[in-house]
Amino acid sequence: MINKPIDIKEQKENEIGILTLRVDNIITFEPNGVKNTTNLEILKKDVILFLDWTKDNKMGFLSDNRTLKSLESEERAFIQNNIERFCNKFAMVVETGMSYYIFNVFQLFNRPSIPMKAFKDCESALKWLQEKQYYP
């Protein structure tokens, strides 16, 4: 579990996980353990929510992708085209395997203008996001 009750400002669920706006202005995604893939429809709804939460102030984003099994090129392109609309610093929690591969492909082919970093655990990712925020 990424967030303690004291950390949570607002929270929503989608088909694959829990989206949280934290009191320290970091957005998190953690999987619900029911599904291990996403789709364009889910991602579009998530971006609308994130834009509502951030208004004109971009925030750090932590995505726990340790259980993600696949991400199609259409979903990757959508993420690449929209992440910088609400995010100023991106941390992804990964394990070896598919999620680590996805992160490296994402970084290699479409380097965003925001800092991105992969972590093995949520605590390290949050600590990095809580450091001075980056504003492009």
Protein backbone atom coordinates (compact mmCIF):
# COMPACT_ATOMS: atom_id res chain seq x y z
CA MET A 1 0.00 0.00 0.00
CA ILE A 2 1.46 3.35 -1.07
CA ASN A 3 -0.72 5.75 0.89
CA LYS A 4 -1.70 5.91 4.52
CA PRO A 5 -5.07 7.50 5.37
CA ILE A 6 -3.29 10.63 6.62
CA ASP A 7 -1.66 11.05 3.15
CA ILE A 8 -4.92 11.04 1.19
CA LYS A 9 -6.60 14.24 0.03
CA GLU A 10 -8.86 12.58 -2.55
CA GLN A 11 -9.15 9.10 -4.02
CA LYS A 12 -10.89 7.44 -6.97
CA GLU A 13 -10.93 3.92 -8.34
CA ASN A 14 -10.90 2.66 -11.89
CA GLU A 15 -11.03 -0.88 -13.30
CA ILE A 16 -7.37 -1.57 -12.60
CA GLY A 17 -6.48 0.37 -9.49
CA ILE A 18 -6.67 3.24 -7.05
CA LEU A 19 -5.81 6.81 -8.02
CA THR A 20 -4.89 9.08 -5.14
CA LEU A 21 -4.28 12.79 -4.78
CA ARG A 22 -2.05 13.10 -1.76
CA VAL A 23 -1.85 16.02 0.66
CA ASP A 24 1.76 16.59 -0.48
CA ASN A 25 0.52 17.19 -4.06
CA ILE A 26 1.69 13.89 -5.48
CA ILE A 27 -0.65 11.70 -7.52
CA THR A 28 -0.31 7.95 -7.14
CA PHE A 29 -1.61 4.90 -8.94
CA GLU A 30 -1.61 1.50 -7.31
CA PRO A 31 -3.05 -1.63 -8.90
CA ASN A 32 -6.08 -3.34 -7.38
CA GLY A 33 -4.84 -6.85 -8.18
CA VAL A 34 -7.91 -7.65 -10.27
CA LYS A 35 -6.65 -6.66 -13.74
CA ASN A 36 -3.09 -6.38 -14.98
CA THR A 37 -3.62 -4.46 -18.23
CA THR A 38 -5.03 -1.07 -19.08
CA ASN A 39 -6.66 0.38 -22.18
CA LEU A 40 -7.12 3.71 -23.88
CA GLU A 41 -10.57 4.29 -22.38
CA ILE A 42 -9.24 3.93 -18.82
CA LEU A 43 -6.22 6.14 -19.55
CA LYS A 44 -8.36 8.92 -21.03
CA LYS A 45 -10.57 8.98 -17.92
CA ASP A 46 -7.49 9.03 -15.70
CA VAL A 47 -6.00 12.03 -17.52
CA ILE A 48 -9.27 13.97 -17.16
CA LEU A 49 -9.22 13.26 -13.43
CA PHE A 50 -5.55 14.22 -13.09
CA LEU A 51 -6.11 17.50 -14.96
CA ASP A 52 -9.00 18.26 -12.61
CA TRP A 53 -6.83 17.53 -9.58
CA THR A 54 -3.85 19.54 -10.79
CA LYS A 55 -5.69 22.49 -12.32
CA ASP A 56 -2.82 24.66 -13.62
CA ASN A 57 -0.23 23.23 -11.21
CA LYS A 58 1.62 20.16 -12.42
CA MET A 59 2.40 17.54 -9.77
CA GLY A 60 4.64 14.57 -9.19
CA PHE A 61 3.20 11.22 -10.28
CA LEU A 62 4.00 7.76 -8.93
CA SER A 63 2.76 4.75 -10.84
CA ASP A 64 3.19 1.29 -9.32
CA ASN A 65 3.52 -0.87 -12.42
CA ARG A 66 4.95 -3.99 -10.82
CA THR A 67 1.96 -6.10 -11.85
CA LEU A 68 1.50 -4.59 -15.32
CA LYS A 69 1.67 -7.34 -17.92
CA SER A 70 1.43 -5.42 -21.18
CA LEU A 71 1.05 -1.98 -22.67
CA GLU A 72 0.15 -1.65 -26.32
CA SER A 73 1.76 0.98 -28.55
CA GLU A 74 -1.47 3.00 -28.65
CA GLU A 75 -1.54 3.22 -24.84
CA ARG A 76 2.18 4.08 -24.68
CA ALA A 77 1.70 6.87 -27.22
CA PHE A 78 -1.26 8.26 -25.29
CA ILE A 79 0.73 8.32 -22.06
CA GLN A 80 3.68 9.96 -23.78
CA ASN A 81 1.46 12.63 -25.30
CA ASN A 82 -0.41 13.44 -22.09
CA ILE A 83 1.79 12.89 -19.05
CA GLU A 84 3.39 16.32 -19.22
CA ARG A 85 -0.04 17.96 -19.12
CA PHE A 86 -0.41 17.19 -15.40
CA CYS A 87 2.98 15.88 -14.29
CA ASN A 88 6.29 17.63 -13.56
CA LYS A 89 8.17 14.59 -12.21
CA PHE A 90 7.41 10.92 -12.88
CA ALA A 91 8.38 7.90 -10.78
CA MET A 92 7.52 4.36 -11.83
CA VAL A 93 7.83 1.41 -9.49
CA VAL A 94 8.90 -1.65 -11.46
CA GLU A 95 10.24 -5.14 -11.07
CA THR A 96 12.37 -6.98 -13.52
CA GLY A 97 10.47 -8.22 -16.50
CA MET A 98 7.75 -6.53 -18.52
CA SER A 99 7.30 -3.37 -16.44
CA TYR A 100 11.04 -2.66 -16.42
CA TYR A 101 11.17 -3.23 -20.18
CA ILE A 102 8.21 -0.88 -20.74
CA PHE A 103 9.87 1.85 -18.69
CA ASN A 104 13.13 1.54 -20.65
CA VAL A 105 11.34 1.60 -24.00
CA PHE A 106 9.31 4.62 -22.88
CA GLN A 107 12.52 6.43 -21.88
CA LEU A 108 14.52 5.39 -24.94
CA PHE A 109 12.11 6.38 -27.69
CA ASN A 110 10.29 9.33 -26.20
CA ARG A 111 12.35 11.23 -23.72
CA PRO A 112 10.02 13.60 -21.95
CA SER A 113 11.11 17.03 -20.77
CA ILE A 114 10.30 16.07 -17.18
CA PRO A 115 12.48 13.97 -14.88
CA MET A 116 11.61 10.27 -14.93
CA LYS A 117 13.04 7.53 -12.80
CA ALA A 118 12.34 3.84 -12.14
CA PHE A 119 12.37 2.44 -8.61
CA LYS A 120 12.08 -1.00 -7.04
CA ASP A 121 9.93 0.24 -4.13
CA CYS A 122 7.30 2.90 -3.45
CA GLU A 123 9.09 4.45 -0.48
CA SER A 124 12.16 5.41 -2.55
CA ALA A 125 9.95 6.70 -5.36
CA LEU A 126 7.93 8.90 -2.99
CA LYS A 127 11.06 10.26 -1.36
CA TRP A 128 12.42 11.25 -4.77
CA LEU A 129 9.12 12.88 -5.77
CA GLN A 130 8.99 14.83 -2.50
CA GLU A 131 12.33 16.43 -3.23
CA LYS A 132 12.13 19.90 -4.74
CA GLN A 133 9.61 19.72 -7.57
CA TYR A 134 10.74 20.37 -11.11
CA TYR A 135 8.87 22.97 -13.15
CA PRO A 136 9.78 23.01 -16.85
